[in-house]
N, C-alpha and C. Protein backbone atom coordinates (compact mmCIF):
# COMPACT_ATOMS: atom_id res chain seq x y z
N MET A 1 110.93 118.53 145.86
CA MET A 1 110.86 117.26 145.15
C MET A 1 111.00 116.16 146.15
N SER A 2 110.10 115.21 146.16
CA SER A 2 110.17 114.11 147.14
C SER A 2 110.93 112.93 146.59
N LYS A 3 111.30 112.11 147.48
CA LYS A 3 112.00 110.87 147.12
C LYS A 3 111.00 109.73 147.05
N LYS A 4 110.89 109.09 145.91
CA LYS A 4 109.94 107.98 145.76
C LYS A 4 110.47 106.72 146.47
N ILE A 5 109.63 106.03 147.15
CA ILE A 5 109.99 104.80 147.77
C ILE A 5 110.06 103.75 146.66
N THR A 6 111.23 103.14 146.55
CA THR A 6 111.43 102.17 145.47
C THR A 6 111.31 100.79 145.97
N LYS A 7 110.94 99.91 145.06
CA LYS A 7 110.86 98.48 145.36
C LYS A 7 112.26 97.89 145.20
N GLN A 8 112.69 97.17 146.16
CA GLN A 8 114.02 96.58 146.11
C GLN A 8 114.04 95.45 145.10
N GLU A 9 115.08 95.44 144.31
CA GLU A 9 115.28 94.41 143.31
C GLU A 9 116.31 93.40 143.82
N ALA A 10 116.11 92.91 145.01
CA ALA A 10 117.03 91.96 145.61
C ALA A 10 116.72 90.56 145.08
N GLN A 11 117.72 89.70 145.21
CA GLN A 11 117.53 88.31 144.78
C GLN A 11 117.09 87.47 145.97
N ARG A 12 116.34 86.42 145.60
CA ARG A 12 115.83 85.49 146.60
C ARG A 12 117.04 84.76 147.23
N PRO A 13 117.00 84.65 148.56
CA PRO A 13 118.06 83.85 149.21
C PRO A 13 117.96 82.42 148.78
N ILE A 14 119.08 81.78 148.47
CA ILE A 14 119.07 80.41 147.97
C ILE A 14 118.60 79.47 149.05
N ASP A 15 119.35 79.38 150.12
CA ASP A 15 118.98 78.56 151.26
C ASP A 15 119.07 79.42 152.47
N GLY A 16 118.32 79.07 153.45
CA GLY A 16 118.43 79.83 154.69
C GLY A 16 117.31 80.84 154.85
N PHE A 17 117.68 82.00 155.38
CA PHE A 17 116.69 82.96 155.81
C PHE A 17 116.98 84.36 155.34
N LEU A 18 115.98 85.18 155.40
CA LEU A 18 116.07 86.58 155.04
C LEU A 18 115.71 87.37 156.30
N SER A 19 116.55 88.29 156.73
CA SER A 19 116.32 89.10 157.90
C SER A 19 115.73 90.44 157.44
N VAL A 20 114.55 90.77 157.93
CA VAL A 20 113.84 91.99 157.55
C VAL A 20 113.59 92.83 158.79
N GLY A 21 113.93 94.13 158.74
CA GLY A 21 113.68 95.05 159.86
C GLY A 21 112.19 95.26 160.11
N ARG A 22 111.80 95.32 161.36
CA ARG A 22 110.43 95.59 161.74
C ARG A 22 110.15 97.08 161.61
N ILE A 23 109.00 97.44 161.11
CA ILE A 23 108.61 98.84 160.94
C ILE A 23 108.01 99.38 162.23
N HIS A 24 108.55 100.46 162.70
CA HIS A 24 107.99 101.14 163.85
C HIS A 24 107.57 102.54 163.42
N ARG A 25 106.31 102.82 163.51
CA ARG A 25 105.84 104.16 163.13
C ARG A 25 105.25 104.82 164.33
N LEU A 26 105.26 106.13 164.35
CA LEU A 26 104.66 106.89 165.41
C LEU A 26 103.45 107.62 164.88
N PHE A 27 102.39 107.59 165.62
CA PHE A 27 101.21 108.38 165.29
C PHE A 27 101.02 109.36 166.41
N SER A 28 101.55 110.51 166.25
CA SER A 28 101.55 111.52 167.31
C SER A 28 100.22 112.33 167.26
N GLU A 29 99.99 113.03 168.36
CA GLU A 29 98.84 113.93 168.40
C GLU A 29 98.94 114.99 167.31
N GLN A 30 100.15 115.46 167.04
CA GLN A 30 100.36 116.47 166.02
C GLN A 30 99.97 115.92 164.64
N LEU A 31 100.35 114.67 164.35
CA LEU A 31 99.99 114.08 163.09
C LEU A 31 98.48 113.94 162.94
N ALA A 32 97.84 113.55 164.03
CA ALA A 32 96.36 113.47 163.99
C ALA A 32 95.74 114.82 163.73
N ALA A 33 96.29 115.88 164.34
CA ALA A 33 95.77 117.18 164.10
C ALA A 33 96.05 117.64 162.65
N ASP A 34 97.21 117.30 162.12
CA ASP A 34 97.54 117.69 160.76
C ASP A 34 96.63 116.98 159.75
N LEU A 35 96.22 115.75 160.03
CA LEU A 35 95.31 115.07 159.13
C LEU A 35 94.03 115.84 158.95
N GLY A 36 93.62 116.57 159.97
CA GLY A 36 92.38 117.37 159.87
C GLY A 36 92.51 118.51 158.86
N LEU A 37 93.71 118.87 158.49
CA LEU A 37 93.91 119.93 157.50
C LEU A 37 93.77 119.45 156.08
N LEU A 38 93.75 118.17 155.88
CA LEU A 38 93.69 117.61 154.51
C LEU A 38 92.26 117.45 154.02
N GLU A 39 92.14 117.32 152.74
CA GLU A 39 90.84 116.99 152.16
C GLU A 39 90.49 115.54 152.45
N ARG A 40 89.21 115.23 152.36
CA ARG A 40 88.74 113.88 152.68
C ARG A 40 89.46 112.81 151.84
N ASP A 41 89.64 113.03 150.57
CA ASP A 41 90.35 112.03 149.70
C ASP A 41 91.78 111.85 150.11
N GLU A 42 92.43 112.94 150.51
CA GLU A 42 93.82 112.90 150.95
C GLU A 42 93.95 112.12 152.26
N ILE A 43 93.01 112.37 153.16
CA ILE A 43 93.01 111.62 154.42
C ILE A 43 92.88 110.15 154.14
N ASP A 44 91.99 109.74 153.24
CA ASP A 44 91.82 108.33 152.92
C ASP A 44 93.14 107.69 152.46
N VAL A 45 93.87 108.42 151.60
CA VAL A 45 95.11 107.89 151.06
C VAL A 45 96.16 107.76 152.15
N VAL A 46 96.28 108.78 152.99
CA VAL A 46 97.28 108.74 154.06
C VAL A 46 96.93 107.66 155.08
N VAL A 47 95.71 107.52 155.47
CA VAL A 47 95.29 106.52 156.43
C VAL A 47 95.50 105.13 155.83
N ASN A 48 95.22 104.97 154.54
CA ASN A 48 95.46 103.69 153.91
C ASN A 48 96.96 103.30 153.96
N ALA A 49 97.83 104.30 153.79
CA ALA A 49 99.29 104.04 153.90
C ALA A 49 99.64 103.58 155.28
N LEU A 50 99.11 104.23 156.31
CA LEU A 50 99.38 103.82 157.67
C LEU A 50 98.89 102.43 157.96
N ILE A 51 97.70 102.13 157.47
CA ILE A 51 97.12 100.79 157.62
C ILE A 51 97.99 99.76 156.94
N SER A 52 98.50 100.11 155.75
CA SER A 52 99.34 99.19 154.99
C SER A 52 100.64 98.87 155.76
N LEU A 53 101.21 99.87 156.45
CA LEU A 53 102.38 99.61 157.26
C LEU A 53 102.07 98.62 158.38
N ASP A 54 100.95 98.83 159.07
CA ASP A 54 100.56 97.89 160.10
C ASP A 54 100.28 96.50 159.54
N GLY A 55 99.61 96.47 158.41
CA GLY A 55 99.31 95.19 157.76
C GLY A 55 100.57 94.44 157.37
N MET A 56 101.57 95.20 156.91
CA MET A 56 102.85 94.56 156.51
C MET A 56 103.48 93.93 157.74
N ASN A 57 103.49 94.60 158.84
CA ASN A 57 104.06 94.06 160.06
C ASN A 57 103.34 92.74 160.47
N HIS A 58 102.00 92.80 160.47
CA HIS A 58 101.22 91.60 160.84
C HIS A 58 101.46 90.46 159.86
N PHE A 59 101.52 90.76 158.57
CA PHE A 59 101.74 89.71 157.56
C PHE A 59 103.11 89.10 157.75
N LEU A 60 104.14 89.90 157.90
CA LEU A 60 105.49 89.38 158.12
C LEU A 60 105.58 88.54 159.39
N GLU A 61 104.90 88.94 160.40
CA GLU A 61 104.87 88.17 161.64
C GLU A 61 104.28 86.77 161.38
N ASN A 62 103.28 86.70 160.57
CA ASN A 62 102.63 85.44 160.23
C ASN A 62 103.49 84.51 159.36
N ILE A 63 104.35 85.04 158.51
CA ILE A 63 105.11 84.18 157.65
C ILE A 63 106.55 84.02 158.14
N SER A 64 106.90 84.60 159.23
CA SER A 64 108.30 84.53 159.73
C SER A 64 108.52 83.26 160.57
N SER A 65 109.75 82.81 160.57
CA SER A 65 110.18 81.69 161.39
C SER A 65 110.45 82.14 162.81
N GLN A 66 111.01 83.34 162.93
CA GLN A 66 111.32 83.93 164.23
C GLN A 66 111.14 85.41 164.14
N THR A 67 110.77 86.00 165.26
CA THR A 67 110.64 87.45 165.37
C THR A 67 111.35 87.98 166.63
N SER A 68 111.71 89.22 166.53
CA SER A 68 112.26 89.93 167.69
C SER A 68 111.56 91.31 167.71
N ASN A 69 112.00 92.12 168.62
CA ASN A 69 111.43 93.49 168.69
C ASN A 69 111.84 94.32 167.47
N THR A 70 112.92 93.92 166.80
CA THR A 70 113.42 94.77 165.71
C THR A 70 113.45 94.07 164.34
N ARG A 71 113.30 92.72 164.32
CA ARG A 71 113.49 92.02 163.03
C ARG A 71 112.53 90.84 162.88
N PHE A 72 112.36 90.48 161.63
CA PHE A 72 111.66 89.25 161.23
C PHE A 72 112.65 88.35 160.54
N LEU A 73 112.63 87.08 160.81
CA LEU A 73 113.50 86.11 160.12
C LEU A 73 112.57 85.26 159.26
N LEU A 74 112.69 85.49 157.91
CA LEU A 74 111.82 84.83 156.97
C LEU A 74 112.53 83.65 156.30
N PRO A 75 111.86 82.54 156.16
CA PRO A 75 112.47 81.41 155.41
C PRO A 75 112.51 81.79 153.93
N SER A 76 113.46 81.22 153.21
CA SER A 76 113.61 81.51 151.80
C SER A 76 112.34 81.24 150.99
N GLU A 77 111.53 80.27 151.48
CA GLU A 77 110.29 79.94 150.76
C GLU A 77 109.27 81.06 150.82
N ALA A 78 109.39 82.01 151.71
CA ALA A 78 108.46 83.12 151.88
C ALA A 78 108.90 84.32 151.04
N TRP A 79 109.93 84.21 150.18
CA TRP A 79 110.43 85.30 149.42
C TRP A 79 109.40 85.98 148.55
N GLU A 80 108.59 85.21 147.81
CA GLU A 80 107.59 85.78 146.91
C GLU A 80 106.53 86.56 147.72
N ASP A 81 106.11 85.97 148.83
CA ASP A 81 105.14 86.68 149.71
C ASP A 81 105.70 87.98 150.22
N PHE A 82 106.99 87.96 150.61
CA PHE A 82 107.65 89.19 151.07
C PHE A 82 107.68 90.21 149.93
N GLN A 83 108.02 89.82 148.76
CA GLN A 83 108.10 90.78 147.63
C GLN A 83 106.74 91.39 147.38
N ILE A 84 105.67 90.66 147.47
CA ILE A 84 104.32 91.18 147.18
C ILE A 84 103.94 92.18 148.26
N VAL A 85 104.11 91.84 149.52
CA VAL A 85 103.73 92.77 150.58
C VAL A 85 104.59 94.04 150.57
N ASN A 86 105.87 93.84 150.27
CA ASN A 86 106.78 94.96 150.17
C ASN A 86 106.31 95.92 149.06
N SER A 87 105.98 95.36 147.91
CA SER A 87 105.58 96.17 146.75
C SER A 87 104.27 96.94 147.02
N THR A 88 103.26 96.26 147.59
CA THR A 88 101.98 96.90 147.80
C THR A 88 102.09 97.99 148.87
N THR A 89 102.92 97.75 149.88
CA THR A 89 103.12 98.77 150.93
C THR A 89 103.85 99.98 150.35
N ALA A 90 104.87 99.77 149.53
CA ALA A 90 105.59 100.85 148.90
C ALA A 90 104.64 101.67 148.03
N ASP A 91 103.75 100.99 147.27
CA ASP A 91 102.75 101.72 146.45
C ASP A 91 101.86 102.59 147.29
N ALA A 92 101.36 102.05 148.43
CA ALA A 92 100.49 102.83 149.30
C ALA A 92 101.18 104.07 149.83
N LEU A 93 102.44 103.91 150.24
CA LEU A 93 103.21 105.04 150.75
C LEU A 93 103.47 106.07 149.67
N ASN A 94 103.79 105.60 148.47
CA ASN A 94 104.00 106.58 147.38
C ASN A 94 102.75 107.36 147.04
N TYR A 95 101.59 106.68 147.05
CA TYR A 95 100.33 107.41 146.80
C TYR A 95 100.07 108.46 147.88
N ALA A 96 100.42 108.14 149.13
CA ALA A 96 100.23 109.11 150.20
C ALA A 96 101.10 110.30 150.06
N VAL A 97 102.39 110.06 149.67
CA VAL A 97 103.31 111.18 149.44
C VAL A 97 102.83 112.03 148.29
N GLN A 98 102.36 111.41 147.21
CA GLN A 98 101.87 112.18 146.06
C GLN A 98 100.65 113.01 146.46
N ALA A 99 99.75 112.46 147.27
CA ALA A 99 98.58 113.22 147.70
C ALA A 99 98.99 114.40 148.55
N LEU A 100 99.96 114.21 149.43
CA LEU A 100 100.42 115.30 150.26
C LEU A 100 101.14 116.37 149.47
N GLU A 101 101.93 115.95 148.51
CA GLU A 101 102.59 116.92 147.60
C GLU A 101 101.58 117.76 146.84
N PHE A 102 100.55 117.09 146.34
CA PHE A 102 99.50 117.78 145.58
C PHE A 102 98.80 118.79 146.45
N SER A 103 98.57 118.46 147.70
CA SER A 103 97.90 119.41 148.60
C SER A 103 98.83 120.49 149.14
N GLY A 104 100.12 120.31 148.94
CA GLY A 104 101.09 121.30 149.44
C GLY A 104 101.48 121.09 150.88
N GLU A 105 101.14 119.90 151.44
CA GLU A 105 101.43 119.63 152.85
C GLU A 105 102.83 119.06 153.04
N VAL A 106 103.54 118.68 152.02
CA VAL A 106 104.88 118.10 152.15
C VAL A 106 105.91 119.17 151.99
């Protein structure tokens, strides 16, 4: 049984900033080889999830006030944008996990 990625039900910061950790993912040669074992539709879902992670990082970089190697500092005005990108990325990851569970690869 897998653990579903949940959307955080946090409250918007009143004044100030929200600190968000930067996502670091690894795409190893083994992962690339394992993708070849999947069906075409499953590969599409998994690759979409990986692209979503990269897109989330780029999006957060664009709306942040400050960035470091490990964190984004978002102004409170960017809260709704953060919630949207967080939700869509979680959905993409959940679809990938479901596809892998269905194929028996998880």
